């Protein structure tokens, strides 16, 4: 297999870290980008090159892309993995926090893609892998702004896929289900924080506790399930537009399509019991 030059954001932990390791072991030249460079030090043993990058900082992203191109002369694959979730009622989450979430999950992804695309066009080939979520296809309780960001990633990727195909560039969406990472615990803490002292405090606190328990459960999928899906997309001659993987990803999408809206809303308001229901 031809060695590919791959840039991965959010490579300091979870899915990004595991993906960087797997792709490097497969023989590719991998650049792992994140703010916390020190957390990527162990990846050097597999040949991963750590890059300091903040996807909310234009200078940082430009310097990162230029560094890879200067060293390798090309970028074959961009994996937009960086992202985070801040849960809370729409009424409670400040617009400053909402904008920050969109800046990381949407505009950072979009800007880094813009920086990489000219290089891929010159090569007449390339692959862009965007980490979305089943949260980009349905809405869970108190996840409003996070879902806004992931719905945007879905739309942006669908539009981009049509635009860049004539240049030999493919666009792939990865839509994880519930994955056992710190993401869920952090989102739960944000929900508790944003609900404190408001009319949503009781419901928010209950949902936050349920999220903490759910994302600590042994039956959630490992990040390796998603990293393997990303590796499959990178190695595929004709990658699919969407890859679903992880706990409840297919079940949740099926139920969301099947159930009337009011039934889905009622299921979500049950406060986490939906996770057990989806487990079936």
Protein backbone atom coordinates (compact mmCIF):
# COMPACT_ATOMS: atom_id res chain seq x y z
CA UNK A 1 0.00 0.00 0.00
CA UNK A 2 1.22 3.47 -0.88
CA UNK A 3 2.38 5.46 2.14
CA UNK A 4 0.13 8.44 2.74
CA UNK A 5 0.86 11.70 4.52
CA UNK A 6 -1.89 12.16 7.10
CA UNK A 7 -2.78 15.10 9.35
CA UNK A 8 -5.03 14.34 12.33
CA UNK A 9 -6.42 16.95 14.72
CA UNK A 10 -7.36 16.22 18.31
CA UNK A 11 -4.64 13.56 18.45
CA UNK A 12 -3.74 14.01 22.12
CA UNK A 13 -6.43 11.66 23.45
CA UNK A 14 -9.26 9.25 22.72
CA UNK A 15 -10.21 8.58 19.12
CA UNK A 16 -7.57 10.87 17.64
CA UNK A 17 -4.73 9.33 19.63
CA UNK A 18 -5.74 5.77 18.77
CA UNK A 19 -6.23 6.63 15.09
CA UNK A 20 -2.81 8.26 14.85
CA UNK A 21 -1.20 5.17 16.34
CA UNK A 22 -3.06 2.75 14.05
CA UNK A 23 -2.33 4.68 10.87
CA UNK A 24 1.35 5.03 11.77
CA UNK A 25 1.57 1.29 12.45
CA UNK A 26 0.01 0.72 9.02
CA UNK A 27 3.01 2.44 7.47
CA UNK A 28 1.71 5.96 6.89
CA UNK A 29 3.45 9.22 7.76
CA UNK A 30 1.21 10.68 10.45
CA UNK A 31 1.23 14.17 11.91
CA UNK A 32 -0.80 14.40 15.11
CA UNK A 33 -2.07 17.89 15.91
CA UNK A 34 -3.36 19.13 19.27
CA UNK A 35 -2.91 21.91 21.80
CA UNK A 36 -1.43 19.58 24.42
CA UNK A 37 1.64 18.40 22.55
CA UNK A 38 3.12 16.69 25.61
CA UNK A 39 0.28 14.14 25.61
CA UNK A 40 1.38 12.95 22.17
CA UNK A 41 4.96 12.19 23.19
CA UNK A 42 4.34 8.41 23.44
CA UNK A 43 3.13 8.42 19.82
CA UNK A 44 6.64 9.26 18.66
CA UNK A 45 7.54 5.61 19.30
CA UNK A 46 5.26 4.67 16.39
CA UNK A 47 6.61 7.39 14.09
CA UNK A 48 3.87 9.97 14.68
CA UNK A 49 5.09 13.58 14.48
CA UNK A 50 3.39 15.78 17.11
CA UNK A 51 2.27 19.24 15.99
CA UNK A 52 1.14 22.11 18.20
CA UNK A 53 -2.16 23.30 16.78
CA UNK A 54 -5.24 25.11 18.05
CA UNK A 55 -8.15 24.85 15.61
CA UNK A 56 -9.50 28.18 16.85
CA UNK A 57 -6.29 29.98 15.91
CA UNK A 58 -5.63 30.88 12.27
CA UNK A 59 -1.87 31.32 12.70
CA UNK A 60 -1.57 27.97 14.43
CA UNK A 61 -3.44 26.11 11.68
CA UNK A 62 -1.57 27.83 8.85
CA UNK A 63 1.80 27.08 10.45
CA UNK A 64 0.83 23.44 10.98
CA UNK A 65 -0.20 22.87 7.37
CA UNK A 66 2.89 24.67 6.06
CA UNK A 67 5.12 22.54 8.30
CA UNK A 68 3.68 19.29 6.94
CA UNK A 69 3.90 20.42 3.31
CA UNK A 70 7.45 21.71 3.80
CA UNK A 71 8.53 18.36 5.27
CA UNK A 72 6.61 15.99 3.00
CA UNK A 73 5.63 17.99 -0.07
CA UNK A 74 2.01 16.87 0.19
CA UNK A 75 -0.97 16.09 2.42
CA UNK A 76 -2.96 13.07 1.30
CA UNK A 77 -5.45 12.76 4.15
CA UNK A 78 -6.93 15.24 6.61
CA UNK A 79 -8.77 13.80 9.61
CA UNK A 80 -10.80 16.55 11.31
CA UNK A 81 -11.23 14.95 14.71
CA UNK A 82 -10.89 17.85 17.16
CA UNK A 83 -14.11 18.77 18.96
CA UNK A 84 -15.87 19.02 22.28
CA UNK A 85 -19.36 19.18 23.77
CA UNK A 86 -20.90 21.69 26.16
CA UNK A 87 -24.33 20.48 27.23
CA UNK A 88 -27.03 22.67 28.73
CA UNK A 89 -30.43 24.17 28.01
CA UNK A 90 -30.50 26.56 25.06
CA UNK A 91 -31.67 29.27 27.47
CA UNK A 92 -28.79 28.69 29.87
CA UNK A 93 -25.73 28.30 27.67
CA UNK A 94 -24.19 31.67 26.97
CA UNK A 95 -23.84 32.71 23.35
CA UNK A 96 -20.12 33.12 23.98
CA UNK A 97 -19.91 29.43 24.91
CA UNK A 98 -22.15 28.47 21.99
CA UNK A 99 -19.87 30.38 19.61
CA UNK A 100 -16.79 28.69 21.06
CA UNK A 101 -18.33 25.27 20.49
CA UNK A 102 -19.12 26.18 16.89
CA UNK A 103 -15.64 27.67 16.47
CA UNK A 104 -14.01 24.38 17.46
CA UNK A 105 -16.44 21.89 15.94
CA UNK A 106 -17.38 23.70 12.72
CA UNK A 107 -15.29 26.74 11.80
CA UNK A 108 -11.97 25.22 12.87
CA UNK A 109 -12.77 22.15 10.79
CA UNK A 110 -13.83 24.31 7.85
CA UNK A 111 -10.78 26.58 7.98
CA UNK A 112 -8.28 23.73 8.22
CA UNK A 113 -10.02 22.09 5.27
CA UNK A 114 -9.67 25.33 3.28
CA UNK A 115 -5.95 25.41 4.04
CA UNK A 116 -5.40 21.81 2.94
CA UNK A 117 -7.58 21.75 -0.19
CA UNK A 118 -5.20 23.69 -2.52
CA UNK A 119 -2.49 21.10 -1.87
CA UNK A 120 -4.86 18.21 -2.55
CA UNK A 121 -6.06 19.85 -5.76
CA UNK A 122 -2.48 20.12 -7.01
CA UNK A 123 -2.10 16.39 -6.35
CA UNK A 124 -5.42 15.62 -8.08
CA UNK A 125 -6.32 13.43 -5.12
CA UNK A 126 -6.98 13.51 -1.41
CA UNK A 127 -9.29 12.40 1.38
CA UNK A 128 -10.99 14.51 4.02
CA UNK A 129 -12.44 12.62 6.98
CA UNK A 130 -14.77 14.62 9.21
CA UNK A 131 -15.73 13.32 12.64
CA UNK A 132 -19.42 13.94 13.06
CA UNK A 133 -21.73 11.89 15.30
CA UNK A 134 -25.17 10.39 15.40
CA UNK A 135 -25.72 13.72 17.21
CA UNK A 136 -25.63 15.22 13.73
CA UNK A 137 -28.71 13.22 12.78
CA UNK A 138 -30.85 13.47 15.94
CA UNK A 139 -31.12 15.48 19.17
CA UNK A 140 -30.64 14.25 22.73
CA UNK A 141 -31.84 15.98 25.89
CA UNK A 142 -29.94 19.20 26.77
CA UNK A 143 -27.47 18.73 23.91
CA UNK A 144 -28.79 21.64 21.83
CA UNK A 145 -25.68 23.60 20.88
CA UNK A 146 -23.57 20.47 20.46
CA UNK A 147 -26.16 19.10 18.07
CA UNK A 148 -26.23 22.41 16.17
CA UNK A 149 -22.48 22.01 15.60
CA UNK A 150 -22.73 18.40 14.45
CA UNK A 151 -25.71 19.04 12.16
CA UNK A 152 -23.54 21.78 10.62
CA UNK A 153 -20.66 19.32 10.11
CA UNK A 154 -23.05 16.98 8.29
CA UNK A 155 -24.29 19.72 5.95
CA UNK A 156 -20.81 21.16 5.36
CA UNK A 157 -19.45 17.70 4.50
CA UNK A 158 -22.31 16.91 2.13
CA UNK A 159 -21.76 20.19 0.29
CA UNK A 160 -17.98 19.76 0.22
CA UNK A 161 -18.25 16.21 -1.11
CA UNK A 162 -20.10 17.48 -4.19
CA UNK A 163 -17.74 20.41 -4.75
CA UNK A 164 -14.39 18.64 -4.60
CA UNK A 165 -15.16 15.34 -6.34
CA UNK A 166 -14.13 16.74 -9.77
CA UNK A 167 -10.63 17.33 -8.32
CA UNK A 168 -10.22 13.72 -7.22
CA UNK A 169 -10.86 14.56 -3.56
CA UNK A 170 -13.23 12.45 -1.48
CA UNK A 171 -15.07 13.47 1.69
CA UNK A 172 -16.09 10.99 4.38
CA UNK A 173 -18.26 11.41 7.47
CA UNK A 174 -17.67 9.23 10.53
CA UNK A 175 -20.78 9.05 12.74
CA UNK A 176 -19.92 7.46 16.10
CA UNK A 177 -22.49 6.28 18.60
CA UNK A 178 -21.76 6.29 22.34
CA UNK A 179 -18.01 5.87 22.85
CA UNK A 180 -16.25 5.31 26.17
CA UNK A 181 -14.08 8.42 26.41
CA UNK A 182 -13.82 11.41 28.74
CA UNK A 183 -16.05 13.35 26.34
CA UNK A 184 -19.29 12.22 28.02
CA UNK A 185 -18.00 12.93 31.53
CA UNK A 186 -16.88 16.43 30.53
CA UNK A 187 -20.21 17.12 28.79
CA UNK A 188 -22.04 15.96 31.93
CA UNK A 189 -19.98 18.33 34.09
CA UNK A 190 -20.82 21.19 31.73
CA UNK A 191 -24.51 20.32 31.94
CA UNK A 192 -24.46 20.38 35.73
CA UNK A 193 -22.56 23.67 35.66
CA UNK A 194 -24.87 25.39 33.17
CA UNK A 195 -28.04 24.21 34.96
CA UNK A 196 -27.06 25.25 38.50
CA UNK A 197 -29.39 27.85 40.01
CA UNK A 198 -31.78 27.83 37.04
CA UNK A 199 -35.26 26.45 36.39
CA UNK A 200 -33.53 23.53 34.64
CA UNK A 201 -31.39 22.59 37.64
CA UNK A 202 -33.27 19.46 38.74
CA UNK A 203 -33.69 18.05 35.23
CA UNK A 204 -30.17 19.03 34.24
CA UNK A 205 -28.61 17.54 37.35
CA UNK A 206 -30.50 14.29 36.88
CA UNK A 207 -29.48 14.05 33.23
CA UNK A 208 -25.87 14.89 34.08
CA UNK A 209 -25.76 12.08 36.62
CA UNK A 210 -27.26 9.67 34.11
CA UNK A 211 -24.67 10.73 31.52
CA UNK A 212 -21.83 10.17 33.96
CA UNK A 213 -23.09 6.66 34.72
CA UNK A 214 -23.70 5.87 31.05
CA UNK A 215 -20.25 7.02 29.93
CA UNK A 216 -18.66 4.99 32.71
CA UNK A 217 -20.49 1.81 31.68
CA UNK A 218 -18.58 -1.21 30.41
CA UNK A 219 -20.98 -1.78 27.52
CA UNK A 220 -20.06 1.41 25.65
CA UNK A 221 -17.83 1.02 22.60
CA UNK A 222 -14.09 1.55 22.80
CA UNK A 223 -12.52 4.41 20.80
CA UNK A 224 -10.80 1.70 18.76
CA UNK A 225 -14.13 0.95 17.05
CA UNK A 226 -14.07 4.45 15.55
CA UNK A 227 -10.37 4.52 14.79
CA UNK A 228 -10.76 1.25 12.88
CA UNK A 229 -13.58 2.81 10.84
CA UNK A 230 -11.32 5.77 10.02
CA UNK A 231 -8.51 3.41 8.98
CA UNK A 232 -10.95 1.51 6.73
CA UNK A 233 -11.95 4.78 5.06
CA UNK A 234 -8.31 5.78 4.54
CA UNK A 235 -7.45 2.42 2.98
CA UNK A 236 -10.59 2.08 0.83
CA UNK A 237 -10.25 2.63 -2.92
CA UNK A 238 -13.78 4.03 -2.93
CA UNK A 239 -14.63 5.07 0.64
CA UNK A 240 -18.27 5.38 1.62
CA UNK A 241 -19.76 8.81 2.26
CA UNK A 242 -20.73 7.76 5.81
CA UNK A 243 -19.44 5.23 8.31
CA UNK A 244 -21.59 4.38 11.35
CA UNK A 245 -19.82 2.72 14.25
CA UNK A 246 -20.06 2.37 17.99
CA UNK A 247 -22.74 1.59 20.54
CA UNK A 248 -26.33 2.25 19.37
CA UNK A 249 -25.25 4.11 16.23
CA UNK A 250 -27.42 2.09 13.86
CA UNK A 251 -30.18 1.41 16.38
CA UNK A 252 -30.57 5.06 17.30
CA UNK A 253 -30.69 6.17 13.67
CA UNK A 254 -33.30 3.52 12.90
CA UNK A 255 -35.48 4.46 15.88
CA UNK A 256 -35.22 8.17 15.11
CA UNK A 257 -36.48 7.47 11.61
CA UNK A 258 -39.21 5.11 12.81
CA UNK A 259 -40.68 6.91 15.83
CA UNK A 260 -43.05 9.89 15.64
CA UNK A 261 -41.39 13.10 16.83
CA UNK A 262 -43.40 13.32 20.05
CA UNK A 263 -42.45 9.75 20.96
CA UNK A 264 -38.77 10.47 20.37
CA UNK A 265 -38.98 13.64 22.48
CA UNK A 266 -40.65 11.73 25.31
CA UNK A 267 -37.97 9.04 25.14
CA UNK A 268 -35.22 11.64 25.42
CA UNK A 269 -36.87 13.37 28.37
CA UNK A 270 -36.81 10.15 30.34
CA UNK A 271 -33.31 11.15 31.27
CA UNK A 272 -30.85 8.57 30.09
CA UNK A 273 -33.13 5.57 30.21
CA UNK A 274 -32.95 5.86 26.44
CA UNK A 275 -29.41 4.45 26.65
CA UNK A 276 -30.65 1.25 28.26
CA UNK A 277 -33.51 1.11 25.80
CA UNK A 278 -31.14 1.45 22.84
CA UNK A 279 -28.95 -1.26 24.36
CA UNK A 280 -32.01 -3.47 24.02
